[in-house]
Protein backbone atom coordinates (compact mmCIF):
# COMPACT_ATOMS: atom_id res chain seq x y z
CA UNK A 1 68.88 83.01 155.54
CA UNK A 2 67.34 80.98 152.58
CA UNK A 3 68.71 77.47 152.14
CA UNK A 4 71.30 77.03 149.24
CA UNK A 5 70.34 74.51 146.49
CA UNK A 6 73.46 74.84 144.45
CA UNK A 7 75.68 72.16 142.97
CA UNK A 8 78.17 72.05 145.84
CA UNK A 9 75.77 71.85 148.64
CA UNK A 10 76.34 69.52 151.68
CA UNK A 11 80.02 69.08 150.65
CA UNK A 12 81.74 70.87 153.46
CA UNK A 13 83.94 67.82 154.53
CA UNK A 14 84.10 66.15 151.00
CA UNK A 15 85.31 69.08 149.01
CA UNK A 16 87.94 70.50 151.47
CA UNK A 17 91.54 69.83 151.73
CA UNK A 18 93.80 69.12 154.64
CA UNK A 19 96.11 71.93 155.82
CA UNK A 20 99.24 70.30 154.18
CA UNK A 21 97.38 69.81 150.81
CA UNK A 22 96.06 73.40 150.35
CA UNK A 23 96.67 75.25 147.18
CA UNK A 24 96.97 74.15 143.55
CA UNK A 25 97.57 70.46 142.84
CA UNK A 26 100.90 69.23 141.11
CA UNK A 27 101.01 69.67 137.30
CA UNK A 28 101.73 66.02 136.89
CA UNK A 29 98.15 65.16 137.89
CA UNK A 30 96.82 67.40 135.18
CA UNK A 31 98.93 65.87 132.32
CA UNK A 32 98.46 62.20 133.24
CA UNK A 33 96.82 60.17 130.46
CA UNK A 34 94.41 57.28 130.55
CA UNK A 35 93.93 54.62 127.89
CA UNK A 36 90.45 53.43 126.95
CA UNK A 37 89.16 50.47 129.03
CA UNK A 38 91.27 51.35 132.05
CA UNK A 39 89.71 51.36 135.51
CA UNK A 40 89.86 54.71 137.31
CA UNK A 41 88.83 56.13 140.79
CA UNK A 42 87.03 59.30 140.85
CA UNK A 43 88.51 61.58 143.58
CA UNK A 44 87.48 65.21 143.28
CA UNK A 45 90.32 67.82 143.56
CA UNK A 46 88.38 70.91 144.85
CA UNK A 47 91.18 73.23 143.69
CA UNK A 48 90.27 72.53 140.11
CA UNK A 49 86.72 73.73 139.22
CA UNK A 50 86.53 72.94 135.65
CA UNK A 51 84.92 69.54 134.54
CA UNK A 52 84.36 68.61 138.18
CA UNK A 53 81.86 65.82 138.42
CA UNK A 54 78.75 65.84 140.95
CA UNK A 55 79.79 65.16 144.50
CA UNK A 56 77.76 61.91 144.71
CA UNK A 57 80.32 60.32 142.25
CA UNK A 58 83.23 61.00 144.64
CA UNK A 59 84.78 57.77 145.55
CA UNK A 60 83.34 55.51 142.66
CA UNK A 61 85.20 53.54 140.32
CA UNK A 62 84.53 53.54 136.65
CA UNK A 63 85.90 52.59 133.16
CA UNK A 64 87.37 54.95 130.68
CA UNK A 65 85.39 54.93 127.57
CA UNK A 66 87.37 57.59 125.50
CA UNK A 67 88.44 61.30 125.43
CA UNK A 68 86.59 64.47 124.67
CA UNK A 69 88.72 67.52 124.46
CA UNK A 70 90.79 67.50 127.60
CA UNK A 71 88.35 65.47 129.51
CA UNK A 72 87.89 61.59 129.77
CA UNK A 73 84.34 59.81 129.24
CA UNK A 74 84.03 57.72 132.42
CA UNK A 75 81.28 55.03 132.69
CA UNK A 76 79.99 54.45 136.09
CA UNK A 77 77.15 52.20 137.48
CA UNK A 78 75.04 54.25 139.68
CA UNK A 79 72.04 53.51 141.92
CA UNK A 80 70.40 50.25 143.10
CA UNK A 81 69.34 49.40 139.57
CA UNK A 82 73.05 49.79 138.51
CA UNK A 83 72.31 52.36 135.61
CA UNK A 84 75.34 53.09 133.49
CA UNK A 85 76.10 56.71 133.42
CA UNK A 86 78.76 58.54 131.35
CA UNK A 87 80.60 61.34 133.09
CA UNK A 88 83.02 63.80 131.49
CA UNK A 89 85.79 64.36 133.79
CA UNK A 90 89.32 65.99 133.65
CA UNK A 91 92.29 63.97 134.52
CA UNK A 92 92.90 66.12 137.85
CA UNK A 93 89.97 64.22 139.34
CA UNK A 94 90.93 60.71 138.37
CA UNK A 95 93.37 58.17 139.78
CA UNK A 96 94.50 54.95 138.14
CA UNK A 97 93.20 51.88 139.95
CA UNK A 98 96.04 49.81 141.15
């Protein structure tokens, strides 16, 4: 069988839910709003496929820079050289940092 090189490869544990969490996520998570400058955690919700970031950004913390449509522009520092990257992520995949 040929090896898969897709967007969701090697995510068997990362993009799976526990038994009691399966199904659609609550609607309150989709309608939450973030202000520009707030710090947010990126936690991918596998039941929502739209505007899902790459799995290497799962667990990172970034700063909200603005909005574009229904998605938020989140700036994350990535890699050893701490390059700044802008990600377009919907609210379902974000949690407010406490």
